[in-house]
Amino acid sequence: MRITPDIITELQSDEVFVFGSNAEGLHGGGAARIAHERFGAAWGEGHGHHGQTYAIDTMSGLDILVAEARAFIDYADAHPELTFLLTPVGCGIAGYTPEQVAPAFVGAPENVTAPKPFLPYLR
């Protein structure tokens, strides 16, 4: 699996910034704020593909995060023409550890990159 850059300041036309959100899509801090300010995340949309972003609800509990991760994997698999830059979703404001979150992304297709902290748990 390819590694997501630690800092993402720009995207190629076929790249999508994957970030953790809240269900309400209030992108006020962390990666969500960057997604909204730079890459087209829609205010009020806390799930799915908007602009060059893909929002995963990380604030409604670990079970919801895992379900959203599985839906994301299906979406990425259906869109092989795009490269999805997965950030360490759930490991900031939501307060989860990579050990808790990363296993939800096991089986992600080749067009999904992984943040370094997730790598030990994706093998």
PDB file of N, CA and C in Angstrom:
ATOM      1  N   MET A   1       0.846  -1.181   0.000  1.00  0.00           N
ATOM      2  CA  MET A   1       0.000   0.000   0.000  1.00  0.00           C
ATOM      3  C   MET A   1       0.891   1.244   0.000  1.00  0.00           C
ATOM      4  N   ARG A   2       0.558   2.190  -0.850  1.00  0.00           N
ATOM      5  CA  ARG A   2       1.304   3.449  -0.896  1.00  0.00           C
ATOM      6  C   ARG A   2       0.998   4.280   0.345  1.00  0.00           C
ATOM      7  N   ILE A   3       1.929   5.155   0.690  1.00  0.00           N
ATOM      8  CA  ILE A   3       1.811   5.959   1.902  1.00  0.00           C
ATOM      9  C   ILE A   3       1.273   7.352   1.568  1.00  0.00           C
ATOM     10  N   THR A   4       0.328   7.801   2.367  1.00  0.00           N
ATOM     11  CA  THR A   4      -0.212   9.152   2.260  1.00  0.00           C
ATOM     12  C   THR A   4       0.842  10.137   2.738  1.00  0.00           C
ATOM     13  N   PRO A   5       1.081  11.231   2.012  1.00  0.00           N
ATOM     14  CA  PRO A   5       2.019  12.248   2.507  1.00  0.00           C
ATOM     15  C   PRO A   5       1.570  12.773   3.879  1.00  0.00           C
ATOM     16  N   ASP A   6       2.529  13.128   4.715  1.00  0.00           N
ATOM     17  CA  ASP A   6       2.214  13.662   6.044  1.00  0.00           C
ATOM     18  C   ASP A   6       1.482  14.998   5.951  1.00  0.00           C
ATOM     19  N   ILE A   7       1.867  15.808   4.984  1.00  0.00           N
ATOM     20  CA  ILE A   7       1.245  17.113   4.790  1.00  0.00           C
ATOM     21  C   ILE A   7       0.760  17.189   3.351  1.00  0.00           C
ATOM     22  N   ILE A   8      -0.502  17.541   3.187  1.00  0.00           N
ATOM     23  CA  ILE A   8      -1.102  17.646   1.851  1.00  0.00           C
ATOM     24  C   ILE A   8      -1.548  19.087   1.661  1.00  0.00           C
ATOM     25  N   THR A   9      -0.902  19.781   0.729  1.00  0.00           N
ATOM     26  CA  THR A   9      -1.235  21.185   0.476  1.00  0.00           C
ATOM     27  C   THR A   9      -1.900  21.395  -0.870  1.00  0.00           C
ATOM     28  N   GLU A  10      -1.768  20.401  -1.755  1.00  0.00           N
ATOM     29  CA  GLU A  10      -2.418  20.483  -3.053  1.00  0.00           C
ATOM     30  C   GLU A  10      -2.721  19.075  -3.537  1.00  0.00           C
ATOM     31  N   LEU A  11      -3.650  18.993  -4.469  1.00  0.00           N
ATOM     32  CA  LEU A  11      -4.063  17.708  -5.022  1.00  0.00           C
ATOM     33  C   LEU A  11      -3.951  17.728  -6.537  1.00  0.00           C
ATOM     34  N   GLN A  12      -3.616  16.582  -7.102  1.00  0.00           N
ATOM     35  CA  GLN A  12      -3.710  16.409  -8.547  1.00  0.00           C
ATOM     36  C   GLN A  12      -5.200  16.277  -8.890  1.00  0.00           C
ATOM     37  N   SER A  13      -5.561  16.426 -10.149  1.00  0.00           N
ATOM     38  CA  SER A  13      -6.966  16.416 -10.535  1.00  0.00           C
ATOM     39  C   SER A  13      -7.666  15.087 -10.248  1.00  0.00           C
ATOM     40  N   ASP A  14      -6.895  14.003 -10.133  1.00  0.00           N
ATOM     41  CA  ASP A  14      -7.503  12.689  -9.868  1.00  0.00           C
ATOM     42  C   ASP A  14      -7.349  12.236  -8.422  1.00  0.00           C
ATOM     43  N   GLU A  15      -6.950  13.152  -7.528  1.00  0.00           N
ATOM     44  CA  GLU A  15      -6.748  12.797  -6.126  1.00  0.00           C
ATOM     45  C   GLU A  15      -7.895  13.310  -5.257  1.00  0.00           C
ATOM     46  N   VAL A  16      -8.199  12.537  -4.220  1.00  0.00           N
ATOM     47  CA  VAL A  16      -9.278  12.852  -3.286  1.00  0.00           C
ATOM     48  C   VAL A  16      -8.715  12.795  -1.864  1.00  0.00           C
ATOM     49  N   PHE A  17      -8.950  13.838  -1.104  1.00  0.00           N
ATOM     50  CA  PHE A  17      -8.500  13.974   0.286  1.00  0.00           C
ATOM     51  C   PHE A  17      -9.547  13.327   1.190  1.00  0.00           C
ATOM     52  N   VAL A  18      -9.178  12.250   1.888  1.00  0.00           N
ATOM     53  CA  VAL A  18     -10.115  11.509   2.743  1.00  0.00           C
ATOM     54  C   VAL A  18      -9.874  11.935   4.189  1.00  0.00           C
ATOM     55  N   PHE A  19     -10.921  12.461   4.835  1.00  0.00           N
ATOM     56  CA  PHE A  19     -10.763  13.064   6.152  1.00  0.00           C
ATOM     57  C   PHE A  19     -11.876  12.646   7.101  1.00  0.00           C
ATOM     58  N   GLY A  20     -11.613  12.822   8.379  1.00  0.00           N
ATOM     59  CA  GLY A  20     -12.620  12.564   9.400  1.00  0.00           C
ATOM     60  C   GLY A  20     -13.493  13.783   9.603  1.00  0.00           C
ATOM     61  N   SER A  21     -14.787  13.522   9.750  1.00  0.00           N
ATOM     62  CA  SER A  21     -15.771  14.584   9.890  1.00  0.00           C
ATOM     63  C   SER A  21     -16.707  14.259  11.050  1.00  0.00           C
ATOM     64  N   ASN A  22     -17.586  15.183  11.345  1.00  0.00           N
ATOM     65  CA  ASN A  22     -18.706  14.881  12.215  1.00  0.00           C
ATOM     66  C   ASN A  22     -19.932  14.695  11.323  1.00  0.00           C
ATOM     67  N   ALA A  23     -20.956  14.063  11.835  1.00  0.00           N
ATOM     68  CA  ALA A  23     -22.135  13.737  11.026  1.00  0.00           C
ATOM     69  C   ALA A  23     -22.789  14.979  10.431  1.00  0.00           C
ATOM     70  N   GLU A  24     -22.676  16.098  11.129  1.00  0.00           N
ATOM     71  CA  GLU A  24     -23.315  17.337  10.663  1.00  0.00           C
ATOM     72  C   GLU A  24     -22.516  18.055   9.584  1.00  0.00           C
ATOM     73  N   GLY A  25     -21.278  17.633   9.350  1.00  0.00           N
ATOM     74  CA  GLY A  25     -20.450  18.286   8.340  1.00  0.00           C
ATOM     75  C   GLY A  25     -20.021  19.684   8.725  1.00  0.00           C
ATOM     76  N   LEU A  26     -19.797  19.909  10.005  1.00  0.00           N
ATOM     77  CA  LEU A  26     -19.306  21.199  10.486  1.00  0.00           C
ATOM     78  C   LEU A  26     -17.778  21.109  10.534  1.00  0.00           C
ATOM     79  N   HIS A  27     -17.147  21.535   9.467  1.00  0.00           N
ATOM     80  CA  HIS A  27     -15.718  21.324   9.247  1.00  0.00           C
ATOM     81  C   HIS A  27     -14.875  22.445   9.855  1.00  0.00           C
ATOM     82  N   GLY A  28     -14.910  22.546  11.186  1.00  0.00           N
ATOM     83  CA  GLY A  28     -14.273  23.674  11.853  1.00  0.00           C
ATOM     84  C   GLY A  28     -12.830  23.495  12.261  1.00  0.00           C
ATOM     85  N   GLY A  29     -12.314  22.267  12.295  1.00  0.00           N
ATOM     86  CA  GLY A  29     -10.950  22.080  12.765  1.00  0.00           C
ATOM     87  C   GLY A  29     -10.271  20.888  12.129  1.00  0.00           C
ATOM     88  N   GLY A  30      -8.975  20.794  12.352  1.00  0.00           N
ATOM     89  CA  GLY A  30      -8.191  19.656  11.886  1.00  0.00           C
ATOM     90  C   GLY A  30      -8.241  19.467  10.373  1.00  0.00           C
ATOM     91  N   ALA A  31      -8.193  18.204   9.974  1.00  0.00           N
ATOM     92  CA  ALA A  31      -8.214  17.880   8.547  1.00  0.00           C
ATOM     93  C   ALA A  31      -9.523  18.308   7.892  1.00  0.00           C
ATOM     94  N   ALA A  32     -10.610  18.321   8.665  1.00  0.00           N
ATOM     95  CA  ALA A  32     -11.901  18.728   8.104  1.00  0.00           C
ATOM     96  C   ALA A  32     -11.864  20.195   7.659  1.00  0.00           C
ATOM     97  N   ARG A  33     -11.218  21.014   8.433  1.00  0.00           N
ATOM     98  CA  ARG A  33     -11.106  22.433   8.068  1.00  0.00           C
ATOM     99  C   ARG A  33     -10.287  22.592   6.786  1.00  0.00           C
ATOM    100  N   ILE A  34      -9.182  21.860   6.700  1.00  0.00           N
ATOM    101  CA  ILE A  34      -8.359  21.885   5.482  1.00  0.00           C
ATOM    102  C   ILE A  34      -9.178  21.402   4.285  1.00  0.00           C
ATOM    103  N   ALA A  35      -9.929  20.326   4.490  1.00  0.00           N
ATOM    104  CA  ALA A  35     -10.764  19.791   3.411  1.00  0.00           C
ATOM    105  C   ALA A  35     -11.754  20.835   2.912  1.00  0.00           C
ATOM    106  N   HIS A  36     -12.356  21.552   3.837  1.00  0.00           N
ATOM    107  CA  HIS A  36     -13.341  22.575   3.465  1.00  0.00           C
ATOM    108  C   HIS A  36     -12.680  23.792   2.813  1.00  0.00           C
ATOM    109  N   GLU A  37     -11.598  24.277   3.405  1.00  0.00           N
ATOM    110  CA  GLU A  37     -10.961  25.502   2.916  1.00  0.00           C
ATOM    111  C   GLU A  37     -10.209  25.311   1.605  1.00  0.00           C
ATOM    112  N   ARG A  38      -9.625  24.123   1.390  1.00  0.00           N
ATOM    113  CA  ARG A  38      -8.747  23.938   0.237  1.00  0.00           C
ATOM    114  C   ARG A  38      -9.267  23.005  -0.846  1.00  0.00           C
ATOM    115  N   PHE A  39     -10.079  22.011  -0.464  1.00  0.00           N
ATOM    116  CA  PHE A  39     -10.349  20.927  -1.406  1.00  0.00           C
ATOM    117  C   PHE A  39     -11.820  20.686  -1.720  1.00  0.00           C
ATOM    118  N   GLY A  40     -12.696  21.565  -1.272  1.00  0.00           N
ATOM    119  CA  GLY A  40     -14.091  21.484  -1.705  1.00  0.00           C
ATOM    120  C   GLY A  40     -15.034  20.677  -0.850  1.00  0.00           C
ATOM    121  N   ALA A  41     -14.664  20.362   0.397  1.00  0.00           N
ATOM    122  CA  ALA A  41     -15.624  19.688   1.278  1.00  0.00           C
ATOM    123  C   ALA A  41     -16.826  20.603   1.476  1.00  0.00           C
ATOM    124  N   ALA A  42     -18.002  20.042   1.368  1.00  0.00           N
ATOM    125  CA  ALA A  42     -19.235  20.828   1.478  1.00  0.00           C
ATOM    126  C   ALA A  42     -19.624  20.994   2.942  1.00  0.00           C
ATOM    127  N   TRP A  43     -19.822  22.252   3.347  1.00  0.00           N
ATOM    128  CA  TRP A  43     -20.288  22.524   4.698  1.00  0.00           C
ATOM    129  C   TRP A  43     -21.673  21.896   4.851  1.00  0.00           C
ATOM    130  N   GLY A  44     -21.881  21.186   5.941  1.00  0.00           N
ATOM    131  CA  GLY A  44     -23.164  20.535   6.183  1.00  0.00           C
ATOM    132  C   GLY A  44     -23.252  19.115   5.639  1.00  0.00           C
ATOM    133  N   GLU A  45     -22.172  18.624   5.014  1.00  0.00           N
ATOM    134  CA  GLU A  45     -22.131  17.255   4.475  1.00  0.00           C
ATOM    135  C   GLU A  45     -21.023  16.490   5.192  1.00  0.00           C
ATOM    136  N   GLY A  46     -21.394  15.599   6.093  1.00  0.00           N
ATOM    137  CA  GLY A  46     -20.425  14.871   6.893  1.00  0.00           C
ATOM    138  C   GLY A  46     -20.104  13.473   6.405  1.00  0.00           C
ATOM    139  N   HIS A  47     -20.582  13.140   5.220  1.00  0.00           N
ATOM    140  CA  HIS A  47     -20.378  11.799   4.671  1.00  0.00           C
ATOM    141  C   HIS A  47     -20.136  11.890   3.169  1.00  0.00           C
ATOM    142  N   GLY A  48     -19.233  11.088   2.666  1.00  0.00           N
ATOM    143  CA  GLY A  48     -19.118  10.893   1.233  1.00  0.00           C
ATOM    144  C   GLY A  48     -18.252  11.875   0.477  1.00  0.00           C
ATOM    145  N   HIS A  49     -18.375  11.785  -0.858  1.00  0.00           N
ATOM    146  CA  HIS A  49     -17.515  12.478  -1.821  1.00  0.00           C
ATOM    147  C   HIS A  49     -18.123  13.829  -2.187  1.00  0.00           C
ATOM    148  N   HIS A  50     -17.361  14.883  -1.919  1.00  0.00           N
ATOM    149  CA  HIS A  50     -17.752  16.258  -2.261  1.00  0.00           C
ATOM    150  C   HIS A  50     -16.496  16.990  -2.696  1.00  0.00           C
ATOM    151  N   GLY A  51     -16.536  17.624  -3.869  1.00  0.00           N
ATOM    152  CA  GLY A  51     -15.341  18.280  -4.390  1.00  0.00           C
ATOM    153  C   GLY A  51     -14.251  17.236  -4.554  1.00  0.00           C
ATOM    154  N   GLN A  52     -13.055  17.547  -4.063  1.00  0.00           N
ATOM    155  CA  GLN A  52     -11.948  16.592  -4.083  1.00  0.00           C
ATOM    156  C   GLN A  52     -11.731  16.020  -2.691  1.00  0.00           C
ATOM    157  N   THR A  53     -12.833  15.762  -1.993  1.00  0.00           N
ATOM    158  CA  THR A  53     -12.764  15.215  -0.645  1.00  0.00           C
ATOM    159  C   THR A  53     -13.733  14.052  -0.483  1.00  0.00           C
ATOM    160  N   TYR A  54     -13.453  13.250   0.531  1.00  0.00           N
ATOM    161  CA  TYR A  54     -14.373  12.192   0.948  1.00  0.00           C
ATOM    162  C   TYR A  54     -14.417  12.237   2.467  1.00  0.00           C
ATOM    163  N   ALA A  55     -15.610  12.497   3.028  1.00  0.00           N
ATOM    164  CA  ALA A  55     -15.801  12.623   4.467  1.00  0.00           C
ATOM    165  C   ALA A  55     -16.226  11.297   5.085  1.00  0.00           C
ATOM    166  N   ILE A  56     -15.579  10.950   6.198  1.00  0.00           N
ATOM    167  CA  ILE A  56     -15.935   9.774   6.982  1.00  0.00           C
ATOM    168  C   ILE A  56     -16.302  10.257   8.381  1.00  0.00           C
ATOM    169  N   ASP A  57     -17.503   9.938   8.828  1.00  0.00           N
ATOM    170  CA  ASP A  57     -17.951  10.339  10.163  1.00  0.00           C
ATOM    171  C   ASP A  57     -17.140   9.582  11.213  1.00  0.00           C
ATOM    172  N   THR A  58     -16.329  10.324  11.953  1.00  0.00           N
ATOM    173  CA  THR A  58     -15.496   9.722  13.002  1.00  0.00           C
ATOM    174  C   THR A  58     -15.973  10.108  14.398  1.00  0.00           C
ATOM    175  N   MET A  59     -17.013  10.913  14.484  1.00  0.00           N
ATOM    176  CA  MET A  59     -17.429  11.473  15.768  1.00  0.00           C
ATOM    177  C   MET A  59     -18.695  10.841  16.347  1.00  0.00           C
ATOM    178  N   SER A  60     -19.264   9.857  15.676  1.00  0.00           N
ATOM    179  CA  SER A  60     -20.531   9.258  16.131  1.00  0.00           C
ATOM    180  C   SER A  60     -20.341   7.876  16.742  1.00  0.00           C
ATOM    181  N   GLY A  61     -19.118   7.531  17.098  1.00  0.00           N
ATOM    182  CA  GLY A  61     -18.829   6.243  17.702  1.00  0.00           C
ATOM    183  C   GLY A  61     -18.020   5.355  16.767  1.00  0.00           C
ATOM    184  N   LEU A  62     -17.288   4.434  17.363  1.00  0.00           N
ATOM    185  CA  LEU A  62     -16.394   3.572  16.583  1.00  0.00           C
ATOM    186  C   LEU A  62     -17.165   2.670  15.621  1.00  0.00           C
ATOM    187  N   ASP A  63     -18.330   2.191  16.013  1.00  0.00           N
ATOM    188  CA  ASP A  63     -19.121   1.342  15.118  1.00  0.00           C
ATOM    189  C   ASP A  63     -19.521   2.095  13.849  1.00  0.00           C
ATOM    190  N   ILE A  64     -19.895   3.352  13.998  1.00  0.00           N
ATOM    191  CA  ILE A  64     -20.261   4.178  12.836  1.00  0.00           C
ATOM    192  C   ILE A  64     -19.028   4.415  11.975  1.00  0.00           C
ATOM    193  N   LEU A  65     -17.908   4.727  12.607  1.00  0.00           N
ATOM    194  CA  LEU A  65     -16.670   4.944  11.861  1.00  0.00           C
ATOM    195  C   LEU A  65     -16.330   3.702  11.024  1.00  0.00           C
ATOM    196  N   VAL A  66     -16.425   2.534  11.616  1.00  0.00           N
ATOM    197  CA  VAL A  66     -16.117   1.295  10.894  1.00  0.00           C
ATOM    198  C   VAL A  66     -17.083   1.106   9.722  1.00  0.00           C
ATOM    199  N   ALA A  67     -18.364   1.349   9.928  1.00  0.00           N
ATOM    200  CA  ALA A  67     -19.345   1.228   8.840  1.00  0.00           C
ATOM    201  C   ALA A  67     -19.040   2.225   7.722  1.00  0.00           C
ATOM    202  N   GLU A  68     -18.678   3.434   8.096  1.00  0.00           N
ATOM    203  CA  GLU A  68     -18.339   4.448   7.090  1.00  0.00           C
ATOM    204  C   GLU A  68     -17.065   4.069   6.347  1.00  0.00           C
ATOM    205  N   ALA A  69     -16.105   3.476   7.045  1.00  0.00           N
ATOM    206  CA  ALA A  69     -14.871   3.017   6.395  1.00  0.00           C
ATOM    207  C   ALA A  69     -15.179   1.942   5.362  1.00  0.00           C
ATOM    208  N   ARG A  70     -16.068   1.028   5.691  1.00  0.00           N
ATOM    209  CA  ARG A  70     -16.435  -0.042   4.746  1.00  0.00           C
ATOM    210  C   ARG A  70     -17.139   0.558   3.522  1.00  0.00           C
ATOM    211  N   ALA A  71     -18.013   1.528   3.738  1.00  0.00           N
ATOM    212  CA  ALA A  71     -18.688   2.196   2.615  1.00  0.00           C
ATOM    213  C   ALA A  71     -17.670   2.931   1.748  1.00  0.00           C
ATOM    214  N   PHE A  72     -16.687   3.563   2.380  1.00  0.00           N
ATOM    215  CA  PHE A  72     -15.625   4.240   1.642  1.00  0.00           C
ATOM    216  C   PHE A  72     -14.845   3.258   0.778  1.00  0.00           C
ATOM    217  N   ILE A  73     -14.487   2.113   1.346  1.00  0.00           N
ATOM    218  CA  ILE A  73     -13.741   1.101   0.585  1.00  0.00           C
ATOM    219  C   ILE A  73     -14.527   0.664  -0.643  1.00  0.00           C
ATOM    220  N   ASP A  74     -15.820   0.456  -0.488  1.00  0.00           N
ATOM    221  CA  ASP A  74     -16.664   0.092  -1.637  1.00  0.00           C
ATOM    222  C   ASP A  74     -16.652   1.204  -2.678  1.00  0.00           C
ATOM    223  N   TYR A  75     -16.723   2.454  -2.220  1.00  0.00           N
ATOM    224  CA  TYR A  75     -16.728   3.596  -3.132  1.00  0.00           C
ATOM    225  C   TYR A  75     -15.396   3.688  -3.877  1.00  0.00           C
ATOM    226  N   ALA A  76     -14.296   3.562  -3.152  1.00  0.00           N
ATOM    227  CA  ALA A  76     -12.967   3.632  -3.779  1.00  0.00           C
ATOM    228  C   ALA A  76     -12.794   2.502  -4.788  1.00  0.00           C
ATOM    229  N   ASP A  77     -13.284   1.329  -4.452  1.00  0.00           N
ATOM    230  CA  ASP A  77     -13.198   0.182  -5.357  1.00  0.00           C
ATOM    231  C   ASP A  77     -13.980   0.439  -6.646  1.00  0.00           C
ATOM    232  N   ALA A  78     -15.088   1.148  -6.539  1.00  0.00           N
ATOM    233  CA  ALA A  78     -15.918   1.459  -7.702  1.00  0.00           C
ATOM    234  C   ALA A  78     -15.368   2.613  -8.537  1.00  0.00           C
ATOM    235  N   HIS A  79     -14.333   3.305  -8.021  1.00  0.00           N
ATOM    236  CA  HIS A  79     -13.756   4.470  -8.711  1.00  0.00           C
ATOM    237  C   HIS A  79     -12.242   4.321  -8.854  1.00  0.00           C
ATOM    238  N   PRO A  80     -11.800   3.326  -9.634  1.00  0.00           N
ATOM    239  CA  PRO A  80     -10.358   3.085  -9.777  1.00  0.00           C
ATOM    240  C   PRO A  80      -9.622   4.213 -10.500  1.00  0.00           C
ATOM    241  N   GLU A  81     -10.348   5.113 -11.137  1.00  0.00           N
ATOM    242  CA  GLU A  81      -9.722   6.234 -11.834  1.00  0.00           C
ATOM    243  C   GLU A  81      -9.232   7.319 -10.870  1.00  0.00           C
ATOM    244  N   LEU A  82      -9.628   7.219  -9.599  1.00  0.00           N
ATOM    245  CA  LEU A  82      -9.244   8.200  -8.589  1.00  0.00           C
ATOM    246  C   LEU A  82      -8.237   7.598  -7.617  1.00  0.00           C
ATOM    247  N   THR A  83      -7.419   8.468  -7.019  1.00  0.00           N
ATOM    248  CA  THR A  83      -6.518   8.066  -5.945  1.00  0.00           C
ATOM    249  C   THR A  83      -7.011   8.741  -4.676  1.00  0.00           C
ATOM    250  N   PHE A  84      -7.265   7.954  -3.647  1.00  0.00           N
ATOM    251  CA  PHE A  84      -7.811   8.439  -2.387  1.00  0.00           C
ATOM    252  C   PHE A  84      -6.698   8.516  -1.351  1.00  0.00           C
ATOM    253  N   LEU A  85      -6.418   9.722  -0.879  1.00  0.00           N
ATOM    254  CA  LEU A  85      -5.363   9.963   0.106  1.00  0.00           C
ATOM    255  C   LEU A  85      -5.992   9.913   1.498  1.00  0.00           C
ATOM    256  N   LEU A  86      -5.934   8.738   2.107  1.00  0.00           N
ATOM    257  CA  LEU A  86      -6.518   8.524   3.429  1.00  0.00           C
ATOM    258  C   LEU A  86      -5.641   9.168   4.493  1.00  0.00           C
ATOM    259  N   THR A  87      -6.205  10.067   5.255  1.00  0.00           N
ATOM    260  CA  THR A  87      -5.520  10.680   6.388  1.00  0.00           C
ATOM    261  C   THR A  87      -5.790   9.819   7.629  1.00  0.00           C
ATOM    262  N   PRO A  88      -5.113  10.065   8.746  1.00  0.00           N
ATOM    263  CA  PRO A  88      -5.365   9.249   9.945  1.00  0.00           C
ATOM    264  C   PRO A  88      -6.714   9.588  10.588  1.00  0.00           C
ATOM    265  N   VAL A  89      -7.780   9.260   9.879  1.00  0.00           N
ATOM    266  CA  VAL A  89      -9.135   9.582  10.331  1.00  0.00           C
ATOM    267  C   VAL A  89      -9.399   8.986  11.705  1.00  0.00           C
ATOM    268  N   GLY A  90     -10.059   9.765  12.544  1.00  0.00           N
ATOM    269  CA  GLY A  90     -10.435   9.292  13.867  1.00  0.00           C
ATOM    270  C   GLY A  90      -9.353   9.414  14.919  1.00  0.00           C
ATOM    271  N   CYS A  91      -8.146   9.782  14.523  1.00  0.00           N
ATOM    272  CA  CYS A  91      -7.013   9.805  15.454  1.00  0.00           C
ATOM    273  C   CYS A  91      -6.651  11.205  15.930  1.00  0.00           C
ATOM    274  N   GLY A  92      -7.488  12.161  15.650  1.00  0.00           N
ATOM    275  CA  GLY A  92      -7.274  13.524  16.121  1.00  0.00           C
ATOM    276  C   GLY A  92      -8.336  13.867  17.148  1.00  0.00           C
ATOM    277  N   ILE A  93      -9.232  14.739  16.785  1.00  0.00           N
ATOM    278  CA  ILE A  93     -10.287  15.211  17.679  1.00  0.00           C
ATOM    279  C   ILE A  93     -11.165  14.065  18.186  1.00  0.00           C
ATOM    280  N   ALA A  94     -11.414  13.049  17.354  1.00  0.00           N
ATOM    281  CA  ALA A  94     -12.270  11.922  17.755  1.00  0.00           C
ATOM    282  C   ALA A  94     -11.639  11.083  18.863  1.00  0.00           C
ATOM    283  N   GLY A  95     -10.299  11.077  18.955  1.00  0.00           N
ATOM    284  CA  GLY A  95      -9.623  10.455  20.070  1.00  0.00           C
ATOM    285  C   GLY A  95      -9.325   8.965  19.982  1.00  0.00           C
ATOM    286  N   TYR A  96      -9.480   8.366  18.822  1.00  0.00           N
ATOM    287  CA  TYR A  96      -9.148   6.945  18.676  1.00  0.00           C
ATOM    288  C   TYR A  96      -7.667   6.779  18.350  1.00  0.00           C
ATOM    289  N   THR A  97      -7.172   5.563  18.499  1.00  0.00           N
ATOM    290  CA  THR A  97      -5.789   5.255  18.165  1.00  0.00           C
ATOM    291  C   THR A  97      -5.729   4.589  16.791  1.00  0.00           C
ATOM    292  N   PRO A  98      -4.578   4.640  16.135  1.00  0.00           N
ATOM    293  CA  PRO A  98      -4.444   3.910  14.868  1.00  0.00           C
ATOM    294  C   PRO A  98      -4.779   2.423  15.022  1.00  0.00           C
ATOM    295  N   GLU A  99      -4.430   1.849  16.162  1.00  0.00           N
ATOM    296  CA  GLU A  99      -4.732   0.436  16.406  1.00  0.00           C
ATOM    297  C   GLU A  99      -6.234   0.159  16.379  1.00  0.00           C
ATOM    298  N   GLN A 100      -7.041   1.128  16.820  1.00  0.00           N
ATOM    299  CA  GLN A 100      -8.489   0.969  16.812  1.00  0.00           C
ATOM    300  C   GLN A 100      -9.092   1.192  15.429  1.00  0.00           C
ATOM    301  N   VAL A 101      -8.557   2.155  14.694  1.00  0.00           N
ATOM    302  CA  VAL A 101      -9.173   2.591  13.436  1.00  0.00           C
ATOM    303  C   VAL A 101      -8.652   1.855  12.207  1.00  0.00           C
ATOM    304  N   ALA A 102      -7.367   1.680  12.110  1.00  0.00           N
ATOM    305  CA  ALA A 102      -6.758   1.140  10.884  1.00  0.00           C
ATOM    306  C   ALA A 102      -7.354  -0.187  10.424  1.00  0.00           C
ATOM    307  N   PRO A 103      -7.669  -1.132  11.318  1.00  0.00           N
ATOM    308  CA  PRO A 103      -8.218  -2.399  10.828  1.00  0.00           C
ATOM    309  C   PRO A 103      -9.505  -2.250  10.010  1.00  0.00           C
ATOM    310  N   ALA A 104     -10.220  -1.158  10.192  1.00  0.00           N
ATOM    311  CA  ALA A 104     -11.430  -0.919   9.401  1.00  0.00           C
ATOM    312  C   ALA A 104     -11.112  -0.722   7.923  1.00  0.00           C
ATOM    313  N   PHE A 105      -9.849  -0.429   7.607  1.00  0.00           N
ATOM    314  CA  PHE A 105      -9.455  -0.162   6.231  1.00  0.00           C
ATOM    315  C   PHE A 105      -8.700  -1.327   5.587  1.00  0.00           C
ATOM    316  N   VAL A 106      -8.622  -2.451   6.282  1.00  0.00           N
ATOM    317  CA  VAL A 106      -8.015  -3.649   5.691  1.00  0.00           C
ATOM    318  C   VAL A 106      -8.842  -4.042   4.470  1.00  0.00           C
ATOM    319  N   GLY A 107      -8.155  -4.340   3.392  1.00  0.00           N
ATOM    320  CA  GLY A 107      -8.842  -4.699   2.151  1.00  0.00           C
ATOM    321  C   GLY A 107      -9.123  -3.533   1.227  1.00  0.00           C
ATOM    322  N   ALA A 108      -8.640  -2.347   1.598  1.00  0.00           N
ATOM    323  CA  ALA A 108      -8.820  -1.187   0.715  1.00  0.00           C
ATOM    324  C   ALA A 108      -8.111  -1.456  -0.608  1.00  0.00           C
ATOM    325  N   PRO A 109      -8.688  -0.986  -1.720  1.00  0.00           N
ATOM    326  CA  PRO A 109      -8.064  -1.229  -3.025  1.00  0.00           C
ATOM    327  C   PRO A 109      -6.759  -0.450  -3.197  1.00  0.00           C
ATOM    328  N   GLU A 110      -6.052  -0.762  -4.259  1.00  0.00           N
ATOM    329  CA  GLU A 110      -4.745  -0.166  -4.544  1.00  0.00           C
ATOM    330  C   GLU A 110      -4.784   1.345  -4.734  1.00  0.00           C
ATOM    331  N   ASN A 111      -5.947   1.902  -5.048  1.00  0.00           N
ATOM    332  CA  ASN A 111      -6.039   3.344  -5.280  1.00  0.00           C
ATOM    333  C   ASN A 111      -6.268   4.134  -3.990  1.00  0.00           C
ATOM    334  N   VAL A 112      -6.091   3.481  -2.838  1.00  0.00           N
ATOM    335  CA  VAL A 112      -6.179   4.143  -1.534  1.00  0.00           C
ATOM    336  C   VAL A 112      -4.793   4.126  -0.900  1.00  0.00           C
ATOM    337  N   THR A 113      -4.296   5.315  -0.529  1.00  0.00           N
ATOM    338  CA  THR A 113      -3.036   5.390   0.195  1.00  0.00           C
ATOM    339  C   THR A 113      -3.333   5.319   1.693  1.00  0.00           C
ATOM    340  N   ALA A 114      -2.325   4.998   2.480  1.00  0.00           N
ATOM    341  CA  ALA A 114      -2.521   4.868   3.931  1.00  0.00           C
ATOM    342  C   ALA A 114      -1.578   5.789   4.679  1.00  0.00           C
ATOM    343  N   PRO A 115      -2.067   6.398   5.763  1.00  0.00           N
ATOM    344  CA  PRO A 115      -1.167   7.204   6.590  1.00  0.00           C
ATOM    345  C   PRO A 115      -0.185   6.292   7.337  1.00  0.00           C
ATOM    346  N   LYS A 116       1.025   6.777   7.549  1.00  0.00           N
ATOM    347  CA  LYS A 116       2.070   5.977   8.204  1.00  0.00           C
ATOM    348  C   LYS A 116       1.616   5.324   9.511  1.00  0.00           C
ATOM    349  N   PRO A 117       0.881   6.035  10.390  1.00  0.00           N
ATOM    350  CA  PRO A 117       0.494   5.385  11.653  1.00  0.00           C
ATOM    351  C   PRO A 117      -0.410   4.156  11.476  1.00  0.00           C
ATOM    352  N   PHE A 118      -1.076   4.032  10.331  1.00  0.00           N
ATOM    353  CA  PHE A 118      -1.976   2.901  10.089  1.00  0.00           C
ATOM    354  C   PHE A 118      -1.240   1.664   9.580  1.00  0.00           C
ATOM    355  N   LEU A 119      -0.064   1.844   8.993  1.00  0.00           N
ATOM    356  CA  LEU A 119       0.606   0.738   8.308  1.00  0.00           C
ATOM    357  C   LEU A 119       0.795  -0.523   9.143  1.00  0.00           C
ATOM    358  N   PRO A 120       1.215  -0.452  10.402  1.00  0.00           N
ATOM    359  CA  PRO A 120       1.414  -1.697  11.156  1.00  0.00           C
ATOM    360  C   PRO A 120       0.136  -2.525  11.338  1.00  0.00           C
ATOM    361  N   TYR A 121      -1.011  -1.891  11.193  1.00  0.00           N
ATOM    362  CA  TYR A 121      -2.282  -2.559  11.455  1.00  0.00           C
ATOM    363  C   TYR A 121      -3.022  -2.972  10.179  1.00  0.00           C
ATOM    364  N   LEU A 122      -2.406  -2.727   9.039  1.00  0.00           N
ATOM    365  CA  LEU A 122      -3.030  -3.057   7.749  1.00  0.00           C
ATOM    366  C   LEU A 122      -2.456  -4.323   7.137  1.00  0.00           C
ATOM    367  N   ARG A 123      -1.501  -4.934   7.766  1.00  0.00           N
ATOM    368  CA  ARG A 123      -0.846  -6.106   7.201  1.00  0.00           C
ATOM    369  C   ARG A 123      -1.521  -7.391   7.597  1.00  0.00           C
TER     370      ARG A 123
END
